[in-house]
Structures are given as structure tokens and as C-alpha cells.
Amino acid sequence: MNYKNVSVVIPILNEEKYIKKCLDSLLEQDYPKEKTEILLVDGGSTDGTPDIVAQYTQKYTYMKTVENPKKTVQYAMNVGIENGSGYYIVRMDAHAEYANDYISKCVEYSEKTGAENVGGTTVVRGKSPVQKIIATSYHSPFALGGSRHYDESYEGYADTVAWGTFKRETLLKLGMYDERLPRSEDDDLNFRITESGGKIFVTPKIRSIYYPKDSFSKLFRQYFEYGKWKVAVIKKHKKPSRIAHLVPMAFVAFIVLFGMLSFAFPIVAKAFFGIMALYFLLDAYFSFRSKHIQGFLNKLGLMYAHLVLHVSYGLGFWAGIFKFWNYKW
């Protein structure tokens, strides 16, 4: 294997619950340490994160902290790319733990496929009961539209991938991350990769475990922001990457419009309650047939997680429509 220099870039901000296990998994990587640098780009953490990170950077010279005064992830990535010296940039997330051959496999499949972005299928797991329900929703085709990179067994080309491994020169050529996008910055970058003729490759042989938000309220806020900033990406590129991104917006519009009209028009009320009944039947079907979680109450929780994802993303999408209506890219 051709061991090229690799820069691992990890945006961090108040990650004391997760950062230790993340860094421990990086210490176990089988990729040569002399070919690896790990850049922890801190957006101004105010919890115990800096103290935890300092214990590692003082002991391991290939790990270092870089400041991100503008806080958000798109700036963090650009700071990491600019400060990195590797042939490859491996983006990682502090909320994840990585198999000991993660970096090796990223480089191997980058070399093997020639793809401009390579990553693993997204394996999502939880620690608390609620987080386990939320993690299960990521693998539900009813929740996130069946995106290929959430299929734990899928290998092949896709429209996006979690995190990703890129040639540094490719990122520089594309203008790195769009700093106007605090959310959906990955979608935008992947859009630009495919529009320029590049490929995005996913394989389950690149293994990691991601830990999602641990409450429904945090999940709602996260996907509201995703929905809002997805509009910015669509407006910038003048098309959605997948039609599935538009469905939650239509669902929320249906609930509001038909819900209001149902009070005045009985025929609309029948249509409204019929379609909502169909929605909840589908929700129940996909929730109760899920193999990722067991127990009646957990299945009901998964039904609620689906609803939270759909409504939050749809509301965020409408917020984005109004926010970016006259925005010029």
C-alpha cells in the first residue's frame, strides 16, 4: 500500500462526552503515525473538552489543536484544510468512534476507486434509551428517504457520504467549503464534486460508529437547521440533489393547509384525516418492522422520532424558503 501523508480534521465544540473515546480510537489506527497528523479544530469549547484534548496533544506530537474563532463547522474544515499538510484530508466527527483500520481503508479505497470523496456507510448507535431510538431512525427508510450511505451493507457510488476522505488538491481546486453555509456544507461540497465530474464512493469496509443527538428536542433543532440550510444549497445549485428532500416540506404544508381548511369543509376534513391515517399506518409499519430496536415502547418512540424528523425538516425548509427568497449566490 502506498502510504501517503494524511491530515485528519476534526471540528470540535464542547465535546467532553465523546472526544476521549474518539481520540482513543484514533490512537489505535494502523496507519503509520509518521504519515498522520490529527488537527482538532476547536470553535471555543467552554466545557472540559480543551483539558481532555490537551492531555493528548501534550503526549502525542502528531495531534494538535487549531483555533477556529468563527466557531462553526464550515470554518473549522477550511482552517483544517489550510493548516493540513497531507495529500489526503480525512474529515472526522467527534461524536464517532473509528475502527483501527479506518484511515487505511479510506486511503485504500481512494486509491482503488479514484473517487473524489470516499467514506463508510453510516452506522449509528445510541447509549441512552432515547439516543438508541434516534439512532434507529437514521437507518429507517421512512425517516431519511433511504439514502444509500445509511444502508450498512451498501457498497458503491452515492450522492453523499458521512464525513469523507478527499485529496487536498481537490478541495483547494473546488474552493474548499462554502463559508456561507453553517449547515448542509457537506451536501454543497458533494454537489460540487459530482457537478465537476467527480465520484463519491461508499463502502461498509470503512467502519465507524456515530452517536446522534440524545434528546428529541435536540434532534428537532438539528433537523430544523438542516432543512433551512438545504434550501440555501438548492437555491445555490438550482436543483435538489434528491427529490426526497422536498417531501417533508410538502408534508408540513399539507398539515397546515388541509388542517385549517378541514374546519370549514367536511370533504377536506375527510381527506385530511384519511391521509394522516395513512401516514401513521406507514409510520407504524416501518417502526414495528425495524430490526434495529426491540420492545413495544421503543417502537412507539421510533414512530415519534420519524414524526420529529419529518416535521422539523419540513418546517426548517419553509423557514429557509423565506430566509433565502431574495438571497443572491
Protein backbone atom coordinates (compact mmCIF):
# COMPACT_ATOMS: atom_id res chain seq x y z
CA MET A 1 0.00 0.00 0.00
CA ASN A 2 1.19 3.49 -0.85
CA TYR A 3 1.27 5.36 2.47
CA LYS A 4 0.68 8.98 1.58
CA ASN A 5 0.56 11.73 4.18
CA VAL A 6 -2.87 12.15 5.74
CA SER A 7 -4.36 15.11 7.61
CA VAL A 8 -7.27 14.17 9.85
CA VAL A 9 -9.51 17.19 10.51
CA ILE A 10 -11.99 17.07 13.41
CA PRO A 11 -14.18 20.11 14.15
CA ILE A 12 -14.87 20.23 17.89
CA LEU A 13 -17.03 22.37 20.16
CA ASN A 14 -17.99 21.23 23.67
CA GLU A 15 -17.42 17.54 23.03
CA GLU A 16 -16.46 16.35 26.53
CA LYS A 17 -18.98 13.46 26.39
CA TYR A 18 -17.46 11.97 23.23
CA ILE A 19 -13.98 13.30 22.49
CA LYS A 20 -11.99 10.87 24.65
CA LYS A 21 -13.34 7.72 23.00
CA CYS A 22 -12.95 9.36 19.60
CA LEU A 23 -9.29 10.13 20.21
CA ASP A 24 -8.64 6.74 21.80
CA SER A 25 -9.92 5.11 18.61
CA LEU A 26 -7.52 7.28 16.59
CA LEU A 27 -4.59 6.15 18.71
CA GLU A 28 -5.37 2.59 17.63
CA GLN A 29 -5.18 3.34 13.90
CA ASP A 30 -2.91 1.01 11.96
CA TYR A 31 -1.92 3.75 9.50
CA PRO A 32 1.71 4.85 10.08
CA LYS A 33 1.82 7.58 12.72
CA GLU A 34 4.67 9.31 10.89
CA LYS A 35 2.32 9.73 7.91
CA THR A 36 -0.55 11.04 10.00
CA GLU A 37 -1.41 14.40 11.56
CA ILE A 38 -4.59 14.98 13.56
CA LEU A 39 -5.93 18.54 13.64
CA LEU A 40 -8.52 19.23 16.34
CA VAL A 41 -10.16 22.46 15.23
CA ASP A 42 -11.79 23.98 18.32
CA GLY A 43 -14.55 26.54 17.95
CA GLY A 44 -14.12 27.83 21.50
CA SER A 45 -15.17 24.97 23.76
CA THR A 46 -16.28 26.06 27.23
CA ASP A 47 -16.70 22.62 28.82
CA GLY A 48 -13.99 20.10 29.68
CA THR A 49 -13.03 19.49 26.04
CA PRO A 50 -9.84 21.65 25.99
CA ASP A 51 -8.47 19.92 29.09
CA ILE A 52 -9.16 16.46 27.68
CA VAL A 53 -7.64 17.36 24.32
CA ALA A 54 -4.58 18.89 25.98
CA GLN A 55 -3.79 15.56 27.63
CA TYR A 56 -3.49 14.02 24.17
CA THR A 57 -1.72 16.82 22.31
CA GLN A 58 0.94 17.06 25.02
CA LYS A 59 1.63 13.34 24.78
CA TYR A 60 1.28 12.72 21.05
CA THR A 61 3.15 15.07 18.76
CA TYR A 62 1.09 14.19 15.68
CA MET A 63 -2.02 15.60 17.38
CA LYS A 64 -2.51 19.34 17.69
CA THR A 65 -5.23 21.87 18.41
CA VAL A 66 -6.04 24.65 15.96
CA GLU A 67 -8.31 27.53 16.91
CA ASN A 68 -11.49 28.29 14.98
CA PRO A 69 -12.55 31.79 16.09
CA LYS A 70 -15.65 31.70 13.85
CA LYS A 71 -16.91 28.58 15.67
CA THR A 72 -18.99 26.77 13.05
CA VAL A 73 -18.04 23.63 11.16
CA GLN A 74 -17.52 25.03 7.65
CA TYR A 75 -14.90 27.44 9.00
CA ALA A 76 -13.37 24.61 11.04
CA MET A 77 -12.94 22.47 7.95
CA ASN A 78 -11.32 25.27 5.97
CA VAL A 79 -8.97 26.04 8.88
CA GLY A 80 -8.03 22.37 8.95
CA ILE A 81 -7.50 22.15 5.19
CA GLU A 82 -5.36 25.29 5.19
CA ASN A 83 -3.24 24.07 8.12
CA GLY A 84 -3.04 20.47 6.94
CA SER A 85 -0.07 19.17 5.02
CA GLY A 86 -1.43 15.77 3.97
CA TYR A 87 -2.05 14.52 0.46
CA TYR A 88 -5.40 13.34 1.78
CA ILE A 89 -7.79 15.18 4.07
CA VAL A 90 -9.81 12.77 6.23
CA ARG A 91 -12.76 14.52 7.79
CA MET A 92 -13.91 13.01 11.07
CA ASP A 93 -16.57 13.78 13.65
CA ALA A 94 -16.01 13.96 17.41
CA HIS A 95 -19.31 12.12 18.01
CA ALA A 96 -17.90 8.96 16.46
CA GLU A 97 -15.54 6.09 17.18
CA TYR A 98 -13.46 4.56 14.40
CA ALA A 99 -12.28 1.07 13.51
CA ASN A 100 -8.50 0.67 13.80
CA ASP A 101 -8.16 0.39 10.00
CA TYR A 102 -10.43 3.38 9.26
CA ILE A 103 -7.75 5.66 7.83
CA SER A 104 -6.05 2.78 5.98
CA LYS A 105 -9.32 1.81 4.32
CA CYS A 106 -10.09 5.43 3.41
CA VAL A 107 -6.75 5.72 1.64
CA GLU A 108 -7.02 2.24 0.11
CA TYR A 109 -10.44 2.91 -1.44
CA SER A 110 -9.46 6.41 -2.53
CA GLU A 111 -6.54 4.91 -4.43
CA LYS A 112 -8.54 1.92 -5.69
CA THR A 113 -11.62 3.78 -6.96
CA GLY A 114 -10.15 7.15 -7.89
CA ALA A 115 -13.25 8.74 -6.35
CA GLU A 116 -13.01 12.34 -5.21
CA ASN A 117 -14.76 11.54 -1.94
CA VAL A 118 -14.65 8.19 -0.15
CA GLY A 119 -16.28 7.14 3.12
CA GLY A 120 -18.02 4.43 5.04
CA THR A 121 -21.67 3.63 5.44
CA THR A 122 -23.08 5.46 8.44
CA VAL A 123 -23.51 3.11 11.39
CA VAL A 124 -25.49 4.99 14.05
CA ARG A 125 -25.79 3.77 17.62
CA GLY A 126 -27.05 5.11 20.93
CA LYS A 127 -26.11 4.91 24.58
CA SER A 128 -29.24 6.13 26.39
CA PRO A 129 -32.71 4.72 25.59
CA VAL A 130 -33.77 7.86 23.71
CA GLN A 131 -30.50 8.04 21.80
CA LYS A 132 -30.94 4.40 20.75
CA ILE A 133 -34.39 5.25 19.34
CA ILE A 134 -32.99 8.25 17.49
CA ALA A 135 -30.09 6.15 16.19
CA THR A 136 -32.56 3.60 14.84
CA SER A 137 -34.41 6.31 12.93
CA TYR A 138 -31.27 7.04 10.91
CA HIS A 139 -31.43 3.53 9.49
CA SER A 140 -35.14 3.71 8.71
CA PRO A 141 -36.08 4.28 5.04
CA PHE A 142 -39.21 6.06 6.29
CA ALA A 143 -37.16 8.64 8.21
CA LEU A 144 -34.46 9.93 5.89
CA GLY A 145 -35.59 8.82 2.47
CA GLY A 146 -33.46 5.68 2.18
CA SER A 147 -30.18 7.43 1.39
CA ARG A 148 -27.63 4.80 0.38
CA HIS A 149 -24.96 5.74 2.88
CA TYR A 150 -27.35 4.82 5.74
CA ASP A 151 -27.56 1.25 4.42
CA GLU A 152 -24.94 -0.57 6.49
CA SER A 153 -24.31 -3.17 3.76
CA TYR A 154 -24.21 -0.89 0.69
CA GLU A 155 -21.07 -0.54 -1.40
CA GLY A 156 -20.95 1.63 -4.47
CA TYR A 157 -21.43 5.17 -5.66
CA ALA A 158 -23.74 7.59 -3.87
CA ASP A 159 -24.73 11.25 -3.83
CA THR A 160 -23.22 11.89 -0.40
CA VAL A 161 -21.29 10.20 2.39
CA ALA A 162 -20.75 10.90 6.06
CA TRP A 163 -17.58 12.97 6.57
CA GLY A 164 -15.39 11.71 3.75
CA THR A 165 -11.81 11.50 2.52
CA PHE A 166 -10.60 13.89 -0.16
CA LYS A 167 -7.43 14.77 -1.97
CA ARG A 168 -6.34 18.10 -0.54
CA GLU A 169 -5.71 19.45 -4.05
CA THR A 170 -9.31 18.61 -4.99
CA LEU A 171 -10.66 20.65 -2.07
CA LEU A 172 -8.42 23.58 -2.96
CA LYS A 173 -9.48 23.38 -6.60
CA LEU A 174 -13.18 23.41 -5.61
CA GLY A 175 -12.70 26.38 -3.29
CA MET A 176 -12.97 24.27 -0.11
CA TYR A 177 -16.15 24.54 1.98
CA ASP A 178 -18.58 27.36 1.29
CA GLU A 179 -18.27 29.53 4.40
CA ARG A 180 -21.77 30.92 3.90
CA LEU A 181 -23.20 27.51 4.87
CA PRO A 182 -23.10 26.63 8.59
CA ARG A 183 -25.28 23.59 7.79
CA SER A 184 -25.53 21.36 4.71
CA GLU A 185 -21.93 22.30 3.90
CA ASP A 186 -21.23 18.65 3.08
CA ASP A 187 -24.18 18.49 0.68
CA ASP A 188 -22.91 21.56 -1.12
CA LEU A 189 -19.38 20.20 -1.40
CA ASN A 190 -20.63 16.83 -2.67
CA PHE A 191 -22.85 18.65 -5.16
CA ARG A 192 -19.81 20.48 -6.50
CA ILE A 193 -17.80 17.26 -6.68
CA THR A 194 -20.41 15.47 -8.78
CA GLU A 195 -21.11 18.53 -10.96
CA SER A 196 -17.40 18.73 -11.76
CA GLY A 197 -17.43 15.09 -12.89
CA GLY A 198 -16.14 13.52 -9.67
CA LYS A 199 -17.46 10.43 -7.92
CA ILE A 200 -18.46 9.69 -4.32
CA PHE A 201 -17.84 6.15 -3.14
CA VAL A 202 -19.27 4.39 -0.07
CA THR A 203 -18.19 1.07 1.41
CA PRO A 204 -19.07 -0.74 4.66
CA LYS A 205 -15.41 -1.76 4.92
CA ILE A 206 -14.71 1.78 6.18
CA ARG A 207 -16.13 1.29 9.66
CA SER A 208 -17.13 3.77 12.34
CA ILE A 209 -19.92 4.28 14.86
CA TYR A 210 -21.71 7.62 15.09
CA TYR A 211 -23.66 8.81 18.15
CA PRO A 212 -26.57 11.14 17.26
CA LYS A 213 -28.38 13.71 19.40
CA ASP A 214 -29.56 12.30 22.72
CA SER A 215 -32.95 14.04 23.02
CA PHE A 216 -35.90 14.68 20.72
CA SER A 217 -35.66 18.44 21.30
CA LYS A 218 -32.01 18.47 20.15
CA LEU A 219 -32.96 16.31 17.18
CA PHE A 220 -35.73 18.75 16.26
CA ARG A 221 -33.38 21.75 16.37
CA GLN A 222 -30.73 19.91 14.36
CA TYR A 223 -33.04 18.89 11.55
CA PHE A 224 -34.81 22.24 11.51
CA GLU A 225 -31.41 23.77 10.72
CA TYR A 226 -30.67 21.06 8.15
CA GLY A 227 -33.97 21.79 6.41
CA LYS A 228 -33.41 25.52 6.45
CA TRP A 229 -29.91 25.37 5.02
CA LYS A 230 -30.84 22.71 2.50
CA VAL A 231 -32.84 25.46 0.78
CA ALA A 232 -29.67 27.53 0.52
CA VAL A 233 -27.88 24.64 -1.20
CA ILE A 234 -30.80 24.05 -3.58
CA LYS A 235 -31.01 27.75 -4.41
CA LYS A 236 -27.27 27.93 -4.99
CA HIS A 237 -27.25 24.94 -7.34
CA LYS A 238 -30.77 25.49 -8.72
CA LYS A 239 -31.81 21.88 -8.12
CA PRO A 240 -32.19 19.42 -5.22
CA SER A 241 -29.75 16.52 -5.00
CA ARG A 242 -32.71 14.19 -4.35
CA ILE A 243 -36.46 14.69 -4.66
CA ALA A 244 -36.83 13.12 -1.19
CA HIS A 245 -35.52 16.37 0.28
CA LEU A 246 -38.73 18.11 -0.84
CA VAL A 247 -41.17 15.63 0.73
CA PRO A 248 -41.07 16.91 4.35
CA MET A 249 -41.74 20.45 3.11
CA ALA A 250 -44.84 19.22 1.24
CA PHE A 251 -45.91 17.19 4.30
CA VAL A 252 -45.79 20.23 6.59
CA ALA A 253 -47.62 22.36 4.02
CA PHE A 254 -50.31 19.68 3.80
CA ILE A 255 -50.75 19.55 7.59
CA VAL A 256 -51.08 23.32 7.91
CA LEU A 257 -53.23 23.98 4.84
CA PHE A 258 -55.56 20.98 4.96
CA GLY A 259 -55.70 21.10 8.74
CA MET A 260 -57.03 24.64 8.65
CA LEU A 261 -59.41 24.03 5.75
CA SER A 262 -60.80 20.89 7.38
CA PHE A 263 -62.58 23.06 9.96
CA ALA A 264 -64.59 24.73 7.19
CA PHE A 265 -65.01 21.98 4.61
CA PRO A 266 -66.11 18.46 5.63
CA ILE A 267 -64.78 16.91 2.41
CA VAL A 268 -61.34 18.40 3.13
CA ALA A 269 -61.55 17.08 6.69
CA LYS A 270 -62.16 13.57 5.35
CA ALA A 271 -59.18 13.85 3.01
CA PHE A 272 -57.01 15.29 5.79
CA PHE A 273 -57.78 12.57 8.32
CA GLY A 274 -57.54 9.87 5.67
CA ILE A 275 -54.08 10.92 4.54
CA MET A 276 -52.87 11.41 8.12
CA ALA A 277 -54.18 7.94 8.97
CA LEU A 278 -52.22 6.57 6.02
CA TYR A 279 -49.11 8.43 7.24
CA PHE A 280 -49.35 6.93 10.72
CA LEU A 281 -50.03 3.47 9.29
CA LEU A 282 -46.84 3.73 7.25
CA ASP A 283 -45.03 5.11 10.28
CA ALA A 284 -46.20 2.15 12.37
CA TYR A 285 -45.32 -0.33 9.61
CA PHE A 286 -41.72 0.85 9.25
CA SER A 287 -41.28 1.32 13.02
CA PHE A 288 -42.59 -2.07 14.10
CA ARG A 289 -40.73 -3.99 11.39
CA SER A 290 -37.39 -2.37 12.29
CA LYS A 291 -34.76 -4.89 13.31
CA HIS A 292 -32.55 -2.25 14.92
CA ILE A 293 -34.59 -1.89 18.10
CA GLN A 294 -36.87 -4.11 20.17
CA GLY A 295 -39.76 -3.51 22.57
CA PHE A 296 -43.23 -2.06 22.10
CA LEU A 297 -42.48 1.28 23.78
CA ASN A 298 -39.28 1.67 21.77
CA LYS A 299 -41.21 1.05 18.56
CA LEU A 300 -43.68 3.77 19.58
CA GLY A 301 -40.69 6.00 20.30
CA LEU A 302 -39.39 5.31 16.80
CA MET A 303 -42.75 6.40 15.38
CA TYR A 304 -42.35 9.67 17.27
CA ALA A 305 -38.75 10.07 16.05
CA HIS A 306 -39.97 9.73 12.45
CA LEU A 307 -42.55 12.46 13.05
CA VAL A 308 -39.97 14.74 14.68
CA LEU A 309 -37.61 14.32 11.73
CA HIS A 310 -40.29 14.98 9.12
CA VAL A 311 -41.87 17.98 10.82
CA SER A 312 -38.62 19.63 11.91
CA TYR A 313 -37.01 19.25 8.48
CA GLY A 314 -40.18 20.42 6.73
CA LEU A 315 -40.59 23.47 8.99
CA GLY A 316 -36.92 24.29 8.55
CA PHE A 317 -37.31 24.01 4.79
CA TRP A 318 -40.13 26.56 4.83
CA ALA A 319 -38.07 28.82 7.07
CA GLY A 320 -35.28 28.53 4.52
CA ILE A 321 -37.61 29.44 1.66
CA PHE A 322 -38.50 32.70 3.39
CA LYS A 323 -34.94 33.34 4.60
CA PHE A 324 -33.27 32.82 1.22
CA TRP A 325 -36.08 34.08 -1.03
CA ASN A 326 -34.06 37.05 -2.30
CA TYR A 327 -30.59 35.80 -1.41
CA LYS A 328 -28.08 36.17 -4.24
CA TRP A 329 -25.40 33.49 -4.57
